[in-house]
Amino acid sequence: MENRTYTTDAAPGDTVTVAGWVHEIRDLGGIAFLILRDTTGKIQVKFEKDEMDDDLVETGLNVQRESVISVTGDVEEEPRAPTGVEVTPESVDVISEADPELPLDPSGKVDAELPTRLDNRTLDLRKDEVKAIFEIRAEVLRSVREAFRDLNCTEINTPKIVATGTEGGTELFPITYFGQEAFMNQSPQLFKQLMVGSGLERVFEIGPIFRAEEHNTPRHLNEATSIDFESAFYDHTEAMDACEHVVQSAYEGVAENCQDELEALGLEDEFAAPEGDFPRLTYEDALDRINATGELDEPLVWGDDLSTEAEHVLGQEVGEHYFITDWPSEIKPFYIKDHDDDEEVSTGFDMMHPSMELVSGGQREHRFDHLVEGFEQQGLDPEAFEYYTKMFKYGMPPHAGWGLGGERLIMTMLGLENIREAVLFPRDRQRLSP
């Protein structure tokens, strides 16, 4: 809109045209106020009924809340106004009238359940605290990209329609692809490994992944954002170093650039970037610490995965971001390399927030014969993955990497109760629209 002024830029003495949504109308008799909201904030528009044209007053005070309007007028100082200034209107133009029956209240005075909010996401994001989540999400992605560039990574984009799943199994969404069976990709894992054998050497990707898991929990999605890293000539310890750098950079970016958003969420006093090295516990140490609490019904034994309850118990014990290393080979994917001196123990690691897993990674098996053997041990047909395995015959360097759940990072960073709050339009077992 030509000559439009954002509300936070309106200064006493200016003549401005501001445009946005009708947030609230307060009629006090001889005087009334309309609060107009745009993406930067709110501004008060004053109507002195006896001194203004009747049509102007009627237009301004009869418009429905959440209608889109523009107001042209003079800006005056008013300490009692929400932003210390107010506009005396010369004209009010109703651009788009809102229905008086709104499915939720964007002012936040009346709460709405999460399903109602997700069904009406456009209205939901008109609330400052909800919009703040996605401004922070954008900053996290910006900071993460910058951190990867610090590590001399090249950003890549890999296919999301594939002929085979990354890890096989039933957690795949099948689709019909010109008469052939295909799947939505679970992970860029195999493709990013192929890239570290190319001239790119160190890569990252931020993109969607699809998992057909029949979960119905506050921390699982069927379409999620994966933040992936892979580097040639890295081992698992160097990959963990890179993971720390990226996660800390995400927090630091939010702390530096999102103070208004943190304030909208009530987090301005408690938000802090993690400092120092993340503790690194072996899988065996983790089991011992969990079992020592006596909080599980049955003690964990070697080869057990960690349940949600076990993760919570250990998270409370550690109290900060941490790694679990040296997982049993039998419960890690075929592409994770085992330790050279003990093939029962893998180089796989998970990076944990005290409340849940955020990252899975490790050094990869770069030797062709060992890779094919890993396929067979996990009941997978190596021939179905020939596009992947054959490249390991042509000089594949040692390499390591990881995948970080983008929504889980936002969820834990902001203390959200449900991962769906960190997604504009979440996909889960019940939700395919909007």
Protein backbone atom coordinates (compact mmCIF):
# COMPACT_ATOMS: atom_id res chain seq x y z
CA MET A 1 0.00 0.00 0.00
CA GLU A 2 1.51 3.27 -1.12
CA ASN A 3 2.59 5.66 1.65
CA ARG A 4 1.58 3.22 4.37
CA THR A 5 3.20 3.77 7.79
CA TYR A 6 3.68 0.92 10.27
CA THR A 7 2.12 1.64 13.64
CA THR A 8 5.42 1.61 15.52
CA ASP A 9 6.85 4.23 13.13
CA ALA A 10 4.03 6.74 13.67
CA ALA A 11 5.47 9.77 15.51
CA PRO A 12 3.80 12.90 16.94
CA GLY A 13 3.43 15.58 14.28
CA ASP A 14 3.23 13.10 11.38
CA THR A 15 0.31 12.69 9.04
CA VAL A 16 0.11 8.96 8.33
CA THR A 17 -1.88 6.22 6.72
CA VAL A 18 -1.86 3.11 8.90
CA ALA A 19 -3.45 -0.18 7.88
CA GLY A 20 -4.20 -3.41 9.68
CA TRP A 21 -6.84 -5.20 11.69
CA VAL A 22 -9.44 -3.82 14.09
CA HIS A 23 -8.25 -5.21 17.40
CA GLU A 24 -10.74 -3.55 19.74
CA ILE A 25 -13.32 -0.74 19.88
CA ARG A 26 -14.11 1.13 23.12
CA ASP A 27 -17.09 3.50 23.02
CA LEU A 28 -17.15 5.83 26.04
CA GLY A 29 -20.03 8.04 24.94
CA GLY A 30 -18.80 11.36 23.60
CA ILE A 31 -15.44 9.85 22.76
CA ALA A 32 -14.47 6.43 21.40
CA PHE A 33 -11.29 4.59 20.58
CA LEU A 34 -10.42 2.05 17.92
CA ILE A 35 -7.24 0.00 18.39
CA LEU A 36 -5.67 -0.89 15.06
CA ARG A 37 -3.15 -3.72 14.94
CA ASP A 38 -0.52 -4.44 12.30
CA THR A 39 2.50 -6.72 12.21
CA THR A 40 4.60 -4.27 14.28
CA GLY A 41 2.15 -3.45 17.06
CA LYS A 42 -0.99 -1.50 17.92
CA ILE A 43 -2.03 2.13 17.67
CA GLN A 44 -5.00 4.04 19.11
CA VAL A 45 -7.40 5.91 16.81
CA LYS A 46 -9.47 8.58 18.60
CA PHE A 47 -13.01 9.55 17.60
CA GLU A 48 -14.41 12.73 19.18
CA LYS A 49 -17.98 12.34 18.06
CA ASP A 50 -19.19 15.96 18.35
CA GLU A 51 -16.23 17.30 16.38
CA MET A 52 -16.18 14.76 13.53
CA ASP A 53 -18.27 13.96 10.50
CA ASP A 54 -21.07 11.53 11.43
CA ASP A 55 -20.26 9.20 8.52
CA LEU A 56 -16.62 9.01 9.58
CA VAL A 57 -17.58 8.14 13.16
CA GLU A 58 -20.14 5.60 12.01
CA THR A 59 -17.66 3.90 9.68
CA GLY A 60 -14.98 3.69 12.36
CA LEU A 61 -17.16 2.49 15.23
CA ASN A 62 -19.51 0.10 13.42
CA VAL A 63 -16.81 -1.97 11.73
CA GLN A 64 -16.48 -5.54 13.02
CA ARG A 65 -13.45 -6.68 15.01
CA GLU A 66 -10.70 -8.23 12.85
CA SER A 67 -11.83 -6.33 9.75
CA VAL A 68 -8.99 -4.91 7.68
CA ILE A 69 -9.04 -1.11 7.53
CA SER A 70 -6.81 1.82 6.72
CA VAL A 71 -6.83 5.09 8.65
CA THR A 72 -5.34 8.40 7.54
CA GLY A 73 -4.85 11.17 10.07
CA ASP A 74 -2.57 13.21 12.29
CA VAL A 75 -0.48 11.61 15.01
CA GLU A 76 -0.49 13.22 18.45
CA GLU A 77 1.24 12.37 21.69
CA GLU A 78 -1.02 10.67 24.23
CA PRO A 79 0.70 9.08 27.25
CA ARG A 80 -2.43 7.12 28.17
CA ALA A 81 -2.57 5.37 24.78
CA PRO A 82 -1.05 1.86 24.46
CA THR A 83 1.96 3.15 22.50
CA GLY A 84 2.06 6.74 23.76
CA VAL A 85 0.54 8.20 20.58
CA GLU A 86 -2.84 8.26 18.89
CA VAL A 87 -4.26 9.10 15.47
CA THR A 88 -7.06 11.59 14.92
CA PRO A 89 -8.61 10.25 11.71
CA GLU A 90 -9.41 12.24 8.59
CA SER A 91 -10.64 9.12 6.80
CA VAL A 92 -11.35 5.47 7.55
CA ASP A 93 -11.48 2.94 4.71
CA VAL A 94 -12.91 -0.52 5.37
CA ILE A 95 -10.89 -2.76 3.07
CA SER A 96 -12.21 -6.16 4.13
CA GLU A 97 -15.11 -6.63 6.55
CA ALA A 98 -14.83 -9.55 9.00
CA ASP A 99 -17.68 -11.86 9.91
CA PRO A 100 -19.00 -10.93 13.37
CA GLU A 101 -18.97 -14.62 14.41
CA LEU A 102 -15.27 -15.44 14.76
CA PRO A 103 -14.27 -19.08 15.44
CA LEU A 104 -11.70 -17.88 17.99
CA ASP A 105 -10.74 -14.64 19.69
CA PRO A 106 -7.46 -13.22 18.33
CA SER A 107 -7.30 -10.77 21.25
CA GLY A 108 -6.68 -13.75 23.52
CA LYS A 109 -9.32 -12.73 26.03
CA VAL A 110 -11.16 -16.00 25.38
CA ASP A 111 -9.00 -19.13 25.18
CA ALA A 112 -9.44 -21.70 22.42
CA GLU A 113 -8.52 -25.38 22.41
CA LEU A 114 -5.58 -26.44 20.24
CA PRO A 115 -7.73 -28.22 17.59
CA THR A 116 -9.80 -25.05 17.13
CA ARG A 117 -6.63 -22.99 16.85
CA LEU A 118 -5.15 -25.34 14.25
CA ASP A 119 -8.39 -25.33 12.25
CA ASN A 120 -8.19 -21.52 12.14
CA ARG A 121 -4.44 -20.94 12.00
CA THR A 122 -4.73 -17.62 10.16
CA LEU A 123 -6.70 -16.13 13.05
CA ASP A 124 -4.56 -17.91 15.62
CA LEU A 125 -1.37 -16.24 14.37
CA ARG A 126 -2.90 -12.81 14.93
CA LYS A 127 -2.19 -13.38 18.62
CA ASP A 128 1.17 -11.94 19.68
CA GLU A 129 2.27 -15.02 21.58
CA VAL A 130 1.50 -17.38 18.70
CA LYS A 131 3.09 -15.16 16.07
CA ALA A 132 6.15 -14.99 18.34
CA ILE A 133 6.68 -18.75 18.05
CA PHE A 134 7.01 -18.53 14.29
CA GLU A 135 9.19 -15.43 14.34
CA ILE A 136 11.48 -17.39 16.68
CA ARG A 137 11.29 -20.43 14.43
CA ALA A 138 12.42 -18.28 11.50
CA GLU A 139 15.32 -16.95 13.56
CA VAL A 140 16.32 -20.48 14.56
CA LEU A 141 16.50 -21.53 10.92
CA ARG A 142 18.47 -18.40 10.01
CA SER A 143 20.94 -18.99 12.86
CA VAL A 144 21.26 -22.67 12.03
CA ARG A 145 22.09 -21.89 8.40
CA GLU A 146 24.69 -19.38 9.54
CA ALA A 147 26.20 -21.96 11.90
CA PHE A 148 26.47 -24.48 9.08
CA ARG A 149 28.22 -21.90 6.94
CA ASP A 150 30.64 -21.35 9.83
CA LEU A 151 31.41 -25.06 9.40
CA ASN A 152 32.00 -24.58 5.65
CA CYS A 153 28.95 -26.61 4.67
CA THR A 154 27.12 -26.51 1.35
CA GLU A 155 23.31 -26.47 1.51
CA ILE A 156 21.68 -29.25 -0.54
CA ASN A 157 18.14 -30.37 -1.38
CA THR A 158 17.47 -34.10 -1.73
CA PRO A 159 14.42 -35.94 -3.17
CA LYS A 160 11.31 -36.41 -1.08
CA ILE A 161 9.87 -39.05 -3.45
CA VAL A 162 11.98 -42.21 -3.39
CA ALA A 163 11.93 -45.80 -4.58
CA THR A 164 12.99 -47.26 -1.22
CA GLY A 165 12.82 -46.16 2.38
CA THR A 166 15.93 -45.00 4.18
CA GLU A 167 15.69 -47.76 6.74
CA GLY A 168 13.08 -50.06 5.21
CA GLY A 169 10.25 -51.13 7.47
CA THR A 170 6.62 -50.09 7.55
CA GLU A 171 7.03 -46.45 8.54
CA LEU A 172 6.57 -45.29 4.96
CA PHE A 173 3.84 -43.42 3.09
CA PRO A 174 3.38 -45.22 -0.26
CA ILE A 175 2.38 -43.22 -3.33
CA THR A 176 1.73 -44.07 -6.97
CA TYR A 177 4.42 -42.61 -9.20
CA PHE A 178 3.48 -42.99 -12.88
CA GLY A 179 2.33 -46.54 -12.29
CA GLN A 180 5.22 -47.46 -10.01
CA GLU A 181 5.22 -47.80 -6.24
CA ALA A 182 7.17 -45.06 -4.53
CA PHE A 183 7.39 -43.59 -1.04
CA MET A 184 7.65 -40.26 0.75
CA ASN A 185 11.18 -40.11 2.11
CA GLN A 186 11.78 -40.77 5.81
CA SER A 187 15.14 -39.01 5.82
CA PRO A 188 17.78 -37.53 3.50
CA GLN A 189 20.28 -39.92 5.10
CA LEU A 190 21.33 -41.97 2.10
CA PHE A 191 21.47 -39.02 -0.28
CA LYS A 192 23.52 -36.81 2.02
CA GLN A 193 25.99 -39.70 2.44
CA LEU A 194 26.34 -39.90 -1.33
CA MET A 195 27.13 -36.19 -1.37
CA VAL A 196 30.05 -36.48 1.04
CA GLY A 197 31.59 -38.84 -1.50
CA SER A 198 31.28 -36.14 -4.14
CA GLY A 199 33.19 -32.90 -4.48
CA LEU A 200 30.89 -31.17 -1.96
CA GLU A 201 32.33 -33.11 1.01
CA ARG A 202 30.43 -31.30 3.83
CA VAL A 203 26.71 -30.65 3.46
CA PHE A 204 23.54 -29.71 5.29
CA GLU A 205 19.84 -29.77 4.49
CA ILE A 206 16.75 -28.31 6.13
CA GLY A 207 13.65 -29.96 4.74
CA PRO A 208 10.57 -32.11 5.33
CA ILE A 209 10.60 -35.78 6.27
CA PHE A 210 7.64 -38.17 6.37
CA ARG A 211 7.09 -41.02 8.80
CA ALA A 212 3.96 -43.18 8.82
CA GLU A 213 4.20 -43.93 12.54
CA GLU A 214 0.82 -44.30 14.21
CA HIS A 215 1.73 -42.10 17.14
CA ASN A 216 -0.73 -39.81 18.85
CA THR A 217 1.52 -38.02 21.32
CA PRO A 218 2.39 -34.36 22.04
CA ARG A 219 5.88 -34.82 20.54
CA HIS A 220 5.38 -36.78 17.31
CA LEU A 221 4.44 -35.62 13.81
CA ASN A 222 3.99 -37.47 10.53
CA GLU A 223 5.50 -34.60 8.55
CA ALA A 224 8.37 -32.87 10.29
CA THR A 225 11.33 -30.62 9.54
CA SER A 226 14.71 -32.31 9.70
CA ILE A 227 17.94 -30.35 10.08
CA ASP A 228 20.64 -32.63 8.65
CA PHE A 229 24.44 -32.52 8.61
CA GLU A 230 27.02 -34.80 7.03
CA SER A 231 30.78 -34.40 6.63
CA ALA A 232 33.54 -36.39 5.00
CA PHE A 233 36.62 -37.10 7.11
CA TYR A 234 34.67 -36.59 10.36
CA ASP A 235 34.30 -39.14 13.09
CA HIS A 236 31.41 -39.31 15.55
CA THR A 237 33.10 -37.06 18.12
CA GLU A 238 33.63 -34.29 15.55
CA ALA A 239 30.02 -34.67 14.46
CA MET A 240 28.94 -34.13 18.06
CA ASP A 241 31.09 -31.00 18.21
CA ALA A 242 29.27 -29.69 15.13
CA CYS A 243 25.92 -30.53 16.70
CA GLU A 244 26.75 -28.53 19.83
CA HIS A 245 27.78 -25.57 17.70
CA VAL A 246 24.54 -25.59 15.70
CA VAL A 247 22.22 -25.95 18.70
CA GLN A 248 24.05 -23.29 20.71
CA SER A 249 23.97 -20.96 17.69
CA ALA A 250 20.21 -21.39 17.42
CA TYR A 251 19.74 -20.38 21.06
CA GLU A 252 22.17 -17.49 20.76
CA GLY A 253 20.39 -16.16 17.67
CA VAL A 254 17.06 -16.15 19.49
CA ALA A 255 18.55 -14.53 22.60
CA GLU A 256 20.13 -11.79 20.48
CA ASN A 257 17.36 -11.09 17.97
CA CYS A 258 14.02 -12.14 19.50
CA GLN A 259 13.67 -10.27 22.79
CA ASP A 260 10.23 -8.88 21.87
CA GLU A 261 9.03 -12.36 20.96
CA LEU A 262 10.43 -13.89 24.14
CA GLU A 263 8.64 -11.18 26.11
CA ALA A 264 5.37 -12.00 24.34
CA LEU A 265 5.83 -15.60 25.50
CA GLY A 266 6.81 -14.57 29.04
CA LEU A 267 10.31 -16.04 28.63
CA GLU A 268 12.45 -12.91 28.63
CA ASP A 269 13.83 -13.54 32.14
CA GLU A 270 14.45 -17.29 31.90
CA PHE A 271 15.66 -17.86 28.35
CA ALA A 272 19.37 -18.63 28.08
CA ALA A 273 21.62 -20.33 25.57
CA PRO A 274 23.29 -23.52 26.83
CA GLU A 275 26.91 -22.87 27.75
CA GLY A 276 29.99 -25.06 27.67
CA ASP A 277 30.35 -28.59 26.38
CA PHE A 278 27.34 -30.89 26.54
CA PRO A 279 27.96 -33.88 28.83
CA ARG A 280 28.65 -37.14 26.95
CA LEU A 281 27.43 -40.31 28.64
CA THR A 282 27.94 -43.76 27.21
CA TYR A 283 24.83 -45.87 26.73
CA GLU A 284 26.05 -48.13 29.54
CA ASP A 285 26.49 -45.15 31.87
CA ALA A 286 23.00 -43.94 30.95
CA LEU A 287 21.46 -47.31 31.84
CA ASP A 288 23.29 -47.35 35.17
CA ARG A 289 22.11 -43.85 36.07
CA ILE A 290 18.52 -44.60 35.10
CA ASN A 291 18.43 -47.88 36.99
CA ALA A 292 20.03 -46.29 40.06
CA THR A 293 17.00 -44.00 40.45
CA GLY A 294 14.70 -46.99 40.93
CA GLU A 295 11.93 -45.09 39.15
CA LEU A 296 11.29 -47.65 36.40
CA ASP A 297 9.13 -50.72 36.97
CA GLU A 298 11.80 -52.95 35.39
CA PRO A 299 15.53 -52.17 35.21
CA LEU A 300 16.96 -51.60 31.75
CA VAL A 301 19.41 -54.11 30.31
CA TRP A 302 21.94 -53.93 27.48
CA GLY A 303 20.11 -53.73 24.14
CA ASP A 304 17.01 -51.96 25.45
CA ASP A 305 15.97 -48.74 23.77
CA LEU A 306 15.10 -45.85 26.08
CA SER A 307 11.41 -45.35 26.69
CA THR A 308 9.87 -41.92 27.13
CA GLU A 309 9.82 -42.53 30.87
CA ALA A 310 13.51 -43.52 30.88
CA GLU A 311 14.41 -40.37 28.91
CA HIS A 312 12.58 -38.22 31.44
CA VAL A 313 14.29 -39.93 34.38
CA LEU A 314 17.74 -39.46 32.87
CA GLY A 315 16.95 -35.91 31.77
CA GLN A 316 16.06 -34.94 35.31
CA GLU A 317 19.33 -36.47 36.50
CA VAL A 318 21.49 -34.62 33.95
CA GLY A 319 19.50 -31.40 33.85
CA GLU A 320 20.90 -30.00 30.58
CA HIS A 321 21.50 -30.90 26.93
CA TYR A 322 23.65 -34.04 26.74
CA PHE A 323 24.77 -36.87 24.46
CA ILE A 324 24.32 -40.61 24.84
CA THR A 325 27.14 -42.37 22.97
CA ASP A 326 28.30 -45.92 22.20
CA TRP A 327 24.89 -47.47 21.59
CA PRO A 328 24.59 -51.23 21.00
CA SER A 329 25.14 -52.02 17.33
CA GLU A 330 22.02 -54.18 17.20
CA ILE A 331 19.63 -51.25 17.79
CA LYS A 332 21.24 -48.74 15.42
CA PRO A 333 20.64 -48.59 11.63
CA PHE A 334 22.79 -50.49 9.15
CA TYR A 335 24.69 -47.39 8.04
CA ILE A 336 26.10 -46.66 11.53
CA LYS A 337 29.69 -47.82 11.86
CA ASP A 338 30.76 -50.05 14.75
CA HIS A 339 33.82 -49.33 16.83
CA ASP A 340 36.89 -50.97 15.32
CA ASP A 341 37.83 -52.64 18.59
CA ASP A 342 34.31 -53.86 19.50
CA GLU A 343 31.73 -54.60 16.83
CA GLU A 344 29.01 -54.97 19.47
CA VAL A 345 29.24 -51.24 20.17
CA SER A 346 28.40 -48.62 17.55
CA THR A 347 29.59 -45.08 17.01
CA GLY A 348 25.96 -43.99 17.11
CA PHE A 349 24.92 -41.16 19.41
CA ASP A 350 21.77 -39.30 20.42
CA MET A 351 21.71 -35.70 21.61
CA MET A 352 19.10 -35.16 24.29
CA HIS A 353 17.22 -32.30 25.85
CA PRO A 354 16.24 -33.14 29.44
CA SER A 355 12.72 -33.84 28.19
CA MET A 356 13.31 -35.74 24.93
CA GLU A 357 15.64 -36.84 22.14
CA LEU A 358 16.55 -34.12 19.63
CA VAL A 359 19.31 -35.63 17.49
CA SER A 360 20.38 -39.02 16.20
CA GLY A 361 23.74 -39.45 14.52
CA GLY A 362 27.03 -41.25 14.31
CA GLN A 363 29.94 -42.18 12.11
CA ARG A 364 28.84 -43.99 8.97
CA GLU A 365 30.06 -47.29 7.57
CA HIS A 366 32.08 -46.30 4.49
CA ARG A 367 33.46 -49.75 3.59
CA PHE A 368 31.37 -51.45 0.89
CA ASP A 369 31.62 -55.03 2.21
CA HIS A 370 30.73 -54.03 5.76
CA LEU A 371 27.83 -51.89 4.51
CA VAL A 372 26.29 -54.77 2.53
CA GLU A 373 26.76 -57.05 5.52
CA GLY A 374 24.86 -54.54 7.65
CA PHE A 375 21.94 -54.59 5.24
CA GLU A 376 21.75 -58.35 5.41
CA GLN A 377 21.96 -58.41 9.21
CA GLN A 378 18.93 -56.12 9.41
CA GLY A 379 16.90 -58.14 6.90
CA LEU A 380 17.16 -55.61 4.07
CA ASP A 381 17.87 -56.45 0.43
CA PRO A 382 21.07 -54.67 -0.65
CA GLU A 383 19.99 -54.84 -4.31
CA ALA A 384 17.04 -52.56 -3.56
CA PHE A 385 19.56 -49.92 -2.49
CA GLU A 386 22.05 -50.40 -5.33
CA TYR A 387 21.93 -46.70 -6.28
CA TYR A 388 23.38 -46.08 -2.81
CA THR A 389 25.68 -49.04 -2.22
CA LYS A 390 27.46 -48.99 -5.59
CA MET A 391 28.87 -45.52 -4.89
CA PHE A 392 30.77 -47.04 -1.97
CA LYS A 393 32.82 -48.97 -4.54
CA TYR A 394 34.20 -45.78 -6.03
CA GLY A 395 36.11 -44.27 -3.13
CA MET A 396 33.90 -43.27 -0.22
CA PRO A 397 35.69 -41.37 2.57
CA PRO A 398 35.05 -41.91 6.27
CA HIS A 399 32.17 -39.64 7.25
CA ALA A 400 29.78 -38.80 10.06
CA GLY A 401 26.65 -36.76 10.59
CA TRP A 402 23.31 -36.39 12.27
CA GLY A 403 19.69 -35.31 11.95
CA LEU A 404 18.03 -32.80 14.30
CA GLY A 405 14.26 -32.50 14.69
CA GLY A 406 13.43 -28.87 13.92
CA GLU A 407 10.08 -28.81 15.69
CA ARG A 408 11.48 -30.61 18.71
CA LEU A 409 14.21 -27.99 18.94
CA ILE A 410 11.59 -25.20 18.96
CA MET A 411 9.34 -27.12 21.35
CA THR A 412 12.06 -27.68 23.95
CA MET A 413 13.58 -24.23 23.49
CA LEU A 414 10.26 -22.50 24.25
CA GLY A 415 8.77 -25.04 26.65
CA LEU A 416 5.76 -25.73 24.43
CA GLU A 417 3.38 -28.39 25.64
CA ASN A 418 2.59 -29.80 22.20
CA ILE A 419 4.86 -30.06 19.17
CA ARG A 420 1.96 -29.00 16.94
CA GLU A 421 2.29 -25.49 18.37
CA ALA A 422 5.65 -25.24 16.56
CA VAL A 423 4.15 -26.08 13.13
CA LEU A 424 1.96 -23.81 11.04
CA PHE A 425 -0.16 -26.64 9.62
CA PRO A 426 0.74 -29.90 11.39
CA ARG A 427 0.20 -33.34 9.90
CA ASP A 428 -0.64 -36.20 12.23
CA ARG A 429 -2.93 -39.23 12.22
CA GLN A 430 -6.06 -37.10 12.58
CA ARG A 431 -5.08 -33.97 10.67
CA LEU A 432 -4.74 -33.67 6.91
CA SER A 433 -6.38 -30.25 6.55
CA PRO A 434 -5.85 -27.31 6.62
